[in-house]
């Protein structure tokens, strides 16, 4: 089963990725083998996981989340649906 996940890095930044095995992937990042970004910001900890219907859906969701602001990602992590909806609406109102 594919998943999208977010890691909180030691510098408090967020990393978004997708995987079939969340626990193994978190360990890989913490061993410095998960990518250059997280290797320089260890330790990392898992803060969000979302199950996806397919690998393709997971990759698409990863791309979507990577475009989100930090504030919007934090609302998703917190499960703050109301704030998330407000942030989404605010973005749509400013087309310029």
Protein backbone atom coordinates (compact mmCIF):
# COMPACT_ATOMS: atom_id res chain seq x y z
CA UNK A 1 0.00 0.00 0.00
CA UNK A 2 1.50 3.38 -1.00
CA UNK A 3 1.69 6.27 1.43
CA UNK A 4 2.54 9.96 1.38
CA UNK A 5 4.43 11.07 4.46
CA UNK A 6 5.88 14.17 6.06
CA UNK A 7 8.96 14.28 8.21
CA UNK A 8 9.90 17.06 10.60
CA UNK A 9 13.63 17.68 10.33
CA UNK A 10 15.94 18.76 13.14
CA UNK A 11 15.81 22.37 11.84
CA UNK A 12 11.96 22.22 12.05
CA UNK A 13 11.56 22.15 8.26
CA UNK A 14 9.20 19.65 6.65
CA UNK A 15 10.05 17.00 4.06
CA UNK A 16 7.35 15.36 1.91
CA UNK A 17 7.80 11.99 0.23
CA UNK A 18 6.02 8.79 -0.73
CA UNK A 19 6.78 5.15 -0.01
CA UNK A 20 5.37 1.66 0.34
CA UNK A 21 6.93 1.18 3.82
CA UNK A 22 6.73 4.22 6.10
CA UNK A 23 8.73 2.81 9.04
CA UNK A 24 11.57 1.60 6.85
CA UNK A 25 11.64 4.89 4.95
CA UNK A 26 11.87 6.96 8.15
CA UNK A 27 14.78 4.79 9.29
CA UNK A 28 16.48 5.20 5.90
CA UNK A 29 16.23 8.99 6.22
CA UNK A 30 17.65 8.87 9.75
CA UNK A 31 20.56 6.76 8.54
CA UNK A 32 21.41 9.53 6.07
CA UNK A 33 20.43 7.45 3.03
CA UNK A 34 17.03 9.05 2.33
CA UNK A 35 18.24 12.00 0.32
CA UNK A 36 20.57 14.97 0.60
CA UNK A 37 17.94 17.27 2.14
CA UNK A 38 17.16 15.05 5.13
CA UNK A 39 20.74 13.75 5.47
CA UNK A 40 21.81 17.28 6.46
CA UNK A 41 18.86 17.75 8.84
CA UNK A 42 18.87 14.61 10.98
CA UNK A 43 17.31 13.34 13.06
CA UNK A 44 13.92 13.41 11.36
CA UNK A 45 10.63 12.22 12.76
CA UNK A 46 7.43 11.15 11.09
CA UNK A 47 4.63 13.69 11.64
CA UNK A 48 2.07 12.79 8.96
CA UNK A 49 1.06 9.71 6.95
CA UNK A 50 -1.69 9.41 4.35
CA UNK A 51 -2.65 6.16 2.63
CA UNK A 52 -3.14 6.41 -1.14
CA UNK A 53 -5.03 4.18 -3.56
CA UNK A 54 -2.06 3.65 -5.89
CA UNK A 55 1.59 4.58 -6.38
CA UNK A 56 0.51 7.07 -9.01
CA UNK A 57 -1.94 8.70 -6.58
CA UNK A 58 0.81 8.87 -3.95
CA UNK A 59 3.20 10.60 -6.36
CA UNK A 60 0.49 13.09 -7.38
CA UNK A 61 -0.38 13.82 -3.74
CA UNK A 62 3.32 14.26 -2.93
CA UNK A 63 3.65 16.84 -5.72
CA UNK A 64 0.56 18.65 -4.46
CA UNK A 65 1.76 18.78 -0.85
CA UNK A 66 5.22 19.98 -1.86
CA UNK A 67 3.60 23.07 -3.41
CA UNK A 68 1.73 23.91 -0.20
CA UNK A 69 2.92 26.59 2.19
CA UNK A 70 4.39 25.62 5.53
CA UNK A 71 1.30 26.97 7.28
CA UNK A 72 -0.98 24.79 5.18
CA UNK A 73 1.19 21.71 5.79
CA UNK A 74 1.10 22.39 9.54
CA UNK A 75 -2.72 22.59 9.43
CA UNK A 76 -2.82 19.22 7.66
CA UNK A 77 -0.46 17.69 10.24
CA UNK A 78 -2.61 19.07 13.07
CA UNK A 79 -5.78 17.75 11.43
CA UNK A 80 -7.20 21.30 11.47
CA UNK A 81 -9.71 20.91 8.65
CA UNK A 82 -11.29 24.33 9.23
CA UNK A 83 -7.96 26.18 9.01
CA UNK A 84 -6.99 24.09 5.98
CA UNK A 85 -10.21 25.07 4.18
CA UNK A 86 -9.69 28.75 5.04
CA UNK A 87 -6.14 28.65 3.71
CA UNK A 88 -7.36 27.00 0.49
CA UNK A 89 -10.08 29.60 -0.02
CA UNK A 90 -7.74 32.48 0.69
CA UNK A 91 -5.37 31.26 -2.02
CA UNK A 92 -8.18 31.02 -4.60
CA UNK A 93 -9.41 34.59 -3.95
CA UNK A 94 -6.14 36.20 -5.06
CA UNK A 95 -5.72 35.33 -8.75
CA UNK A 96 -3.09 38.04 -9.42
